[in-house]
Amino acid sequence: MDLVARLGKNVRTLRIASGLSQEELAFRAEMKRSYLSDLERGTRNPSVRALGRLAAALEVPPGQLLD
């Protein structure tokens, strides 16, 4: 699995485990829901800033998004 697909899978898994909708996570991470959806599907390359915002919104270390 490539890195972008792994990131998307991990974000989705963590989001669901946290009981958050895409809309709520996007709001907390200060990004558009459509951008988050693209990230979860692995169709968009995230910026470093987006990784940091997602990690903070999910309350996990940034590296956990890529494990």
PDB file of N, CA and C in Angstrom:
ATOM      1  N   MET A   1       0.857  -1.175   0.000  1.00  0.00           N
ATOM      2  CA  MET A   1       0.000   0.000   0.000  1.00  0.00           C
ATOM      3  C   MET A   1       0.900   1.234   0.000  1.00  0.00           C
ATOM      4  N   ASP A   2       0.591   2.169  -0.878  1.00  0.00           N
ATOM      5  CA  ASP A   2       1.422   3.374  -0.911  1.00  0.00           C
ATOM      6  C   ASP A   2       1.100   4.294   0.266  1.00  0.00           C
ATOM      7  N   LEU A   3       1.951   5.252   0.481  1.00  0.00           N
ATOM      8  CA  LEU A   3       1.866   6.124   1.650  1.00  0.00           C
ATOM      9  C   LEU A   3       0.569   6.937   1.692  1.00  0.00           C
ATOM     10  N   VAL A   4       0.135   7.444   0.561  1.00  0.00           N
ATOM     11  CA  VAL A   4      -1.080   8.265   0.524  1.00  0.00           C
ATOM     12  C   VAL A   4      -2.305   7.410   0.864  1.00  0.00           C
ATOM     13  N   ALA A   5      -2.356   6.196   0.335  1.00  0.00           N
ATOM     14  CA  ALA A   5      -3.470   5.293   0.637  1.00  0.00           C
ATOM     15  C   ALA A   5      -3.450   4.892   2.109  1.00  0.00           C
ATOM     16  N   ARG A   6      -2.261   4.652   2.646  1.00  0.00           N
ATOM     17  CA  ARG A   6      -2.135   4.290   4.064  1.00  0.00           C
ATOM     18  C   ARG A   6      -2.613   5.429   4.946  1.00  0.00           C
ATOM     19  N   LEU A   7      -2.213   6.655   4.610  1.00  0.00           N
ATOM     20  CA  LEU A   7      -2.662   7.823   5.365  1.00  0.00           C
ATOM     21  C   LEU A   7      -4.188   7.897   5.362  1.00  0.00           C
ATOM     22  N   GLY A   8      -4.787   7.759   4.187  1.00  0.00           N
ATOM     23  CA  GLY A   8      -6.239   7.839   4.089  1.00  0.00           C
ATOM     24  C   GLY A   8      -6.937   6.785   4.921  1.00  0.00           C
ATOM     25  N   LYS A   9      -6.422   5.571   4.876  1.00  0.00           N
ATOM     26  CA  LYS A   9      -7.016   4.485   5.656  1.00  0.00           C
ATOM     27  C   LYS A   9      -6.902   4.769   7.144  1.00  0.00           C
ATOM     28  N   ASN A  10      -5.735   5.248   7.576  1.00  0.00           N
ATOM     29  CA  ASN A  10      -5.537   5.547   8.992  1.00  0.00           C
ATOM     30  C   ASN A  10      -6.421   6.695   9.466  1.00  0.00           C
ATOM     31  N   VAL A  11      -6.548   7.737   8.663  1.00  0.00           N
ATOM     32  CA  VAL A  11      -7.408   8.872   9.046  1.00  0.00           C
ATOM     33  C   VAL A  11      -8.844   8.391   9.195  1.00  0.00           C
ATOM     34  N   ARG A  12      -9.320   7.610   8.233  1.00  0.00           N
ATOM     35  CA  ARG A  12     -10.694   7.106   8.304  1.00  0.00           C
ATOM     36  C   ARG A  12     -10.901   6.224   9.536  1.00  0.00           C
ATOM     37  N   THR A  13      -9.958   5.323   9.791  1.00  0.00           N
ATOM     38  CA  THR A  13     -10.068   4.430  10.948  1.00  0.00           C
ATOM     39  C   THR A  13     -10.097   5.222  12.253  1.00  0.00           C
ATOM     40  N   LEU A  14      -9.193   6.189  12.388  1.00  0.00           N
ATOM     41  CA  LEU A  14      -9.146   7.008  13.598  1.00  0.00           C
ATOM     42  C   LEU A  14     -10.385   7.885  13.740  1.00  0.00           C
ATOM     43  N   ARG A  15     -10.865   8.406  12.621  1.00  0.00           N
ATOM     44  CA  ARG A  15     -12.065   9.249  12.657  1.00  0.00           C
ATOM     45  C   ARG A  15     -13.270   8.445  13.142  1.00  0.00           C
ATOM     46  N   ILE A  16     -13.447   7.260  12.587  1.00  0.00           N
ATOM     47  CA  ILE A  16     -14.581   6.426  12.976  1.00  0.00           C
ATOM     48  C   ILE A  16     -14.458   5.989  14.438  1.00  0.00           C
ATOM     49  N   ALA A  17     -13.232   5.614  14.848  1.00  0.00           N
ATOM     50  CA  ALA A  17     -13.010   5.209  16.234  1.00  0.00           C
ATOM     51  C   ALA A  17     -13.303   6.352  17.209  1.00  0.00           C
ATOM     52  N   SER A  18     -13.119   7.586  16.752  1.00  0.00           N
ATOM     53  CA  SER A  18     -13.400   8.761  17.591  1.00  0.00           C
ATOM     54  C   SER A  18     -14.867   9.167  17.541  1.00  0.00           C
ATOM     55  N   GLY A  19     -15.636   8.514  16.692  1.00  0.00           N
ATOM     56  CA  GLY A  19     -17.059   8.837  16.587  1.00  0.00           C
ATOM     57  C   GLY A  19     -17.335  10.140  15.871  1.00  0.00           C
ATOM     58  N   LEU A  20     -16.432  10.525  14.969  1.00  0.00           N
ATOM     59  CA  LEU A  20     -16.578  11.797  14.260  1.00  0.00           C
ATOM     60  C   LEU A  20     -17.055  11.576  12.827  1.00  0.00           C
ATOM     61  N   SER A  21     -17.877  12.466  12.352  1.00  0.00           N
ATOM     62  CA  SER A  21     -18.241  12.476  10.940  1.00  0.00           C
ATOM     63  C   SER A  21     -17.128  13.172  10.171  1.00  0.00           C
ATOM     64  N   GLN A  22     -17.131  12.996   8.857  1.00  0.00           N
ATOM     65  CA  GLN A  22     -16.156  13.729   8.040  1.00  0.00           C
ATOM     66  C   GLN A  22     -16.338  15.222   8.238  1.00  0.00           C
ATOM     67  N   GLU A  23     -17.562  15.652   8.304  1.00  0.00           N
ATOM     68  CA  GLU A  23     -17.835  17.086   8.455  1.00  0.00           C
ATOM     69  C   GLU A  23     -17.264  17.626   9.765  1.00  0.00           C
ATOM     70  N   GLU A  24     -17.443  16.883  10.855  1.00  0.00           N
ATOM     71  CA  GLU A  24     -16.946  17.338  12.154  1.00  0.00           C
ATOM     72  C   GLU A  24     -15.421  17.341  12.190  1.00  0.00           C
ATOM     73  N   LEU A  25     -14.791  16.289  11.663  1.00  0.00           N
ATOM     74  CA  LEU A  25     -13.327  16.256  11.645  1.00  0.00           C
ATOM     75  C   LEU A  25     -12.776  17.376  10.771  1.00  0.00           C
ATOM     76  N   ALA A  26     -13.383  17.602   9.630  1.00  0.00           N
ATOM     77  CA  ALA A  26     -12.938  18.675   8.746  1.00  0.00           C
ATOM     78  C   ALA A  26     -13.042  20.028   9.460  1.00  0.00           C
ATOM     79  N   PHE A  27     -14.125  20.242  10.178  1.00  0.00           N
ATOM     80  CA  PHE A  27     -14.302  21.482  10.930  1.00  0.00           C
ATOM     81  C   PHE A  27     -13.191  21.643  11.973  1.00  0.00           C
ATOM     82  N   ARG A  28     -12.925  20.578  12.721  1.00  0.00           N
ATOM     83  CA  ARG A  28     -11.897  20.630  13.761  1.00  0.00           C
ATOM     84  C   ARG A  28     -10.505  20.831  13.176  1.00  0.00           C
ATOM     85  N   ALA A  29     -10.277  20.288  11.982  1.00  0.00           N
ATOM     86  CA  ALA A  29      -8.965  20.395  11.343  1.00  0.00           C
ATOM     87  C   ALA A  29      -8.862  21.623  10.439  1.00  0.00           C
ATOM     88  N   GLU A  30      -9.915  22.427  10.405  1.00  0.00           N
ATOM     89  CA  GLU A  30      -9.943  23.664   9.607  1.00  0.00           C
ATOM     90  C   GLU A  30      -9.667  23.395   8.133  1.00  0.00           C
ATOM     91  N   MET A  31     -10.416  22.429   7.575  1.00  0.00           N
ATOM     92  CA  MET A  31     -10.304  22.124   6.149  1.00  0.00           C
ATOM     93  C   MET A  31     -11.699  21.806   5.612  1.00  0.00           C
ATOM     94  N   LYS A  32     -11.811  21.775   4.320  1.00  0.00           N
ATOM     95  CA  LYS A  32     -13.104  21.461   3.701  1.00  0.00           C
ATOM     96  C   LYS A  32     -13.363  19.964   3.779  1.00  0.00           C
ATOM     97  N   ARG A  33     -14.637  19.607   3.916  1.00  0.00           N
ATOM     98  CA  ARG A  33     -15.013  18.207   3.990  1.00  0.00           C
ATOM     99  C   ARG A  33     -14.614  17.475   2.719  1.00  0.00           C
ATOM    100  N   SER A  34     -14.738  18.117   1.575  1.00  0.00           N
ATOM    101  CA  SER A  34     -14.376  17.468   0.317  1.00  0.00           C
ATOM    102  C   SER A  34     -12.880  17.145   0.260  1.00  0.00           C
ATOM    103  N   TYR A  35     -12.041  18.005   0.842  1.00  0.00           N
ATOM    104  CA  TYR A  35     -10.603  17.751   0.899  1.00  0.00           C
ATOM    105  C   TYR A  35     -10.330  16.539   1.793  1.00  0.00           C
ATOM    106  N   LEU A  36     -11.000  16.478   2.937  1.00  0.00           N
ATOM    107  CA  LEU A  36     -10.851  15.342   3.842  1.00  0.00           C
ATOM    108  C   LEU A  36     -11.300  14.054   3.156  1.00  0.00           C
ATOM    109  N   SER A  37     -12.399  14.111   2.446  1.00  0.00           N
ATOM    110  CA  SER A  37     -12.894  12.940   1.718  1.00  0.00           C
ATOM    111  C   SER A  37     -11.858  12.460   0.704  1.00  0.00           C
ATOM    112  N   ASP A  38     -11.263  13.391  -0.033  1.00  0.00           N
ATOM    113  CA  ASP A  38     -10.217  13.033  -0.996  1.00  0.00           C
ATOM    114  C   ASP A  38      -9.020  12.390  -0.297  1.00  0.00           C
ATOM    115  N   LEU A  39      -8.647  12.920   0.857  1.00  0.00           N
ATOM    116  CA  LEU A  39      -7.535  12.343   1.608  1.00  0.00           C
ATOM    117  C   LEU A  39      -7.850  10.916   2.044  1.00  0.00           C
ATOM    118  N   GLU A  40      -9.056  10.704   2.556  1.00  0.00           N
ATOM    119  CA  GLU A  40      -9.439   9.370   3.011  1.00  0.00           C
ATOM    120  C   GLU A  40      -9.468   8.366   1.866  1.00  0.00           C
ATOM    121  N   ARG A  41      -9.825   8.808   0.682  1.00  0.00           N
ATOM    122  CA  ARG A  41      -9.860   7.918  -0.477  1.00  0.00           C
ATOM    123  C   ARG A  41      -8.479   7.740  -1.107  1.00  0.00           C
ATOM    124  N   GLY A  42      -7.510   8.529  -0.672  1.00  0.00           N
ATOM    125  CA  GLY A  42      -6.161   8.422  -1.201  1.00  0.00           C
ATOM    126  C   GLY A  42      -6.004   9.033  -2.575  1.00  0.00           C
ATOM    127  N   THR A  43      -6.866   9.990  -2.903  1.00  0.00           N
ATOM    128  CA  THR A  43      -6.806  10.624  -4.223  1.00  0.00           C
ATOM    129  C   THR A  43      -6.163  12.004  -4.190  1.00  0.00           C
ATOM    130  N   ARG A  44      -5.720  12.426  -3.019  1.00  0.00           N
ATOM    131  CA  ARG A  44      -5.082  13.742  -2.899  1.00  0.00           C
ATOM    132  C   ARG A  44      -3.870  13.629  -1.988  1.00  0.00           C
ATOM    133  N   ASN A  45      -2.804  14.283  -2.382  1.00  0.00           N
ATOM    134  CA  ASN A  45      -1.602  14.321  -1.550  1.00  0.00           C
ATOM    135  C   ASN A  45      -1.772  15.412  -0.498  1.00  0.00           C
ATOM    136  N   PRO A  46      -1.597  15.067   0.764  1.00  0.00           N
ATOM    137  CA  PRO A  46      -1.776  16.067   1.818  1.00  0.00           C
ATOM    138  C   PRO A  46      -0.557  16.966   1.963  1.00  0.00           C
ATOM    139  N   SER A  47      -0.801  18.155   2.430  1.00  0.00           N
ATOM    140  CA  SER A  47       0.305  19.043   2.765  1.00  0.00           C
ATOM    141  C   SER A  47       0.776  18.699   4.181  1.00  0.00           C
ATOM    142  N   VAL A  48       1.941  19.168   4.532  1.00  0.00           N
ATOM    143  CA  VAL A  48       2.450  18.961   5.889  1.00  0.00           C
ATOM    144  C   VAL A  48       1.520  19.653   6.882  1.00  0.00           C
ATOM    145  N   ARG A  49       1.030  20.811   6.515  1.00  0.00           N
ATOM    146  CA  ARG A  49       0.097  21.543   7.386  1.00  0.00           C
ATOM    147  C   ARG A  49      -1.172  20.732   7.628  1.00  0.00           C
ATOM    148  N   ALA A  50      -1.692  20.089   6.573  1.00  0.00           N
ATOM    149  CA  ALA A  50      -2.905  19.275   6.715  1.00  0.00           C
ATOM    150  C   ALA A  50      -2.655  18.094   7.648  1.00  0.00           C
ATOM    151  N   LEU A  51      -1.485  17.473   7.544  1.00  0.00           N
ATOM    152  CA  LEU A  51      -1.159  16.362   8.446  1.00  0.00           C
ATOM    153  C   LEU A  51      -1.165  16.829   9.896  1.00  0.00           C
ATOM    154  N   GLY A  52      -0.561  17.972  10.146  1.00  0.00           N
ATOM    155  CA  GLY A  52      -0.527  18.511  11.501  1.00  0.00           C
ATOM    156  C   GLY A  52      -1.912  18.830  12.033  1.00  0.00           C
ATOM    157  N   ARG A  53      -2.734  19.412  11.188  1.00  0.00           N
ATOM    158  CA  ARG A  53      -4.095  19.758  11.617  1.00  0.00           C
ATOM    159  C   ARG A  53      -4.931  18.509  11.887  1.00  0.00           C
ATOM    160  N   LEU A  54      -4.794  17.506  11.033  1.00  0.00           N
ATOM    161  CA  LEU A  54      -5.534  16.257  11.240  1.00  0.00           C
ATOM    162  C   LEU A  54      -5.091  15.564  12.519  1.00  0.00           C
ATOM    163  N   ALA A  55      -3.785  15.503  12.729  1.00  0.00           N
ATOM    164  CA  ALA A  55      -3.272  14.867  13.937  1.00  0.00           C
ATOM    165  C   ALA A  55      -3.790  15.580  15.185  1.00  0.00           C
ATOM    166  N   ALA A  56      -3.767  16.896  15.174  1.00  0.00           N
ATOM    167  CA  ALA A  56      -4.261  17.661  16.322  1.00  0.00           C
ATOM    168  C   ALA A  56      -5.758  17.432  16.530  1.00  0.00           C
ATOM    169  N   ALA A  57      -6.518  17.422  15.447  1.00  0.00           N
ATOM    170  CA  ALA A  57      -7.968  17.231  15.553  1.00  0.00           C
ATOM    171  C   ALA A  57      -8.315  15.827  16.046  1.00  0.00           C
ATOM    172  N   LEU A  58      -7.484  14.843  15.675  1.00  0.00           N
ATOM    173  CA  LEU A  58      -7.718  13.466  16.111  1.00  0.00           C
ATOM    174  C   LEU A  58      -7.015  13.145  17.429  1.00  0.00           C
ATOM    175  N   GLU A  59      -6.226  14.120  17.925  1.00  0.00           N
ATOM    176  CA  GLU A  59      -5.501  13.978  19.184  1.00  0.00           C
ATOM    177  C   GLU A  59      -4.549  12.781  19.167  1.00  0.00           C
ATOM    178  N   VAL A  60      -3.776  12.688  18.078  1.00  0.00           N
ATOM    179  CA  VAL A  60      -2.760  11.645  17.929  1.00  0.00           C
ATOM    180  C   VAL A  60      -1.468  12.293  17.442  1.00  0.00           C
ATOM    181  N   PRO A  61      -0.333  11.637  17.655  1.00  0.00           N
ATOM    182  CA  PRO A  61       0.913  12.170  17.104  1.00  0.00           C
ATOM    183  C   PRO A  61       0.874  12.074  15.573  1.00  0.00           C
ATOM    184  N   PRO A  62       1.450  13.033  14.865  1.00  0.00           N
ATOM    185  CA  PRO A  62       1.406  13.010  13.397  1.00  0.00           C
ATOM    186  C   PRO A  62       1.911  11.705  12.781  1.00  0.00           C
ATOM    187  N   GLY A  63       2.923  11.111  13.390  1.00  0.00           N
ATOM    188  CA  GLY A  63       3.454   9.860  12.863  1.00  0.00           C
ATOM    189  C   GLY A  63       2.461   8.720  12.853  1.00  0.00           C
ATOM    190  N   GLN A  64       1.495   8.776  13.757  1.00  0.00           N
ATOM    191  CA  GLN A  64       0.488   7.706  13.813  1.00  0.00           C
ATOM    192  C   GLN A  64      -0.377   7.696  12.551  1.00  0.00           C
ATOM    193  N   LEU A  65      -0.504   8.823  11.890  1.00  0.00           N
ATOM    194  CA  LEU A  65      -1.296   8.880  10.659  1.00  0.00           C
ATOM    195  C   LEU A  65      -0.623   8.120   9.535  1.00  0.00           C
ATOM    196  N   LEU A  66       0.682   7.914   9.636  1.00  0.00           N
ATOM    197  CA  LEU A  66       1.437   7.273   8.570  1.00  0.00           C
ATOM    198  C   LEU A  66       1.867   5.842   8.907  1.00  0.00           C
ATOM    199  N   ASP A  67       1.601   5.382  10.122  1.00  0.00           N
ATOM    200  CA  ASP A  67       1.979   4.014  10.519  1.00  0.00           C
ATOM    201  C   ASP A  67       1.183   2.964   9.772  1.00  0.00           C
TER     202      ASP A  67
END
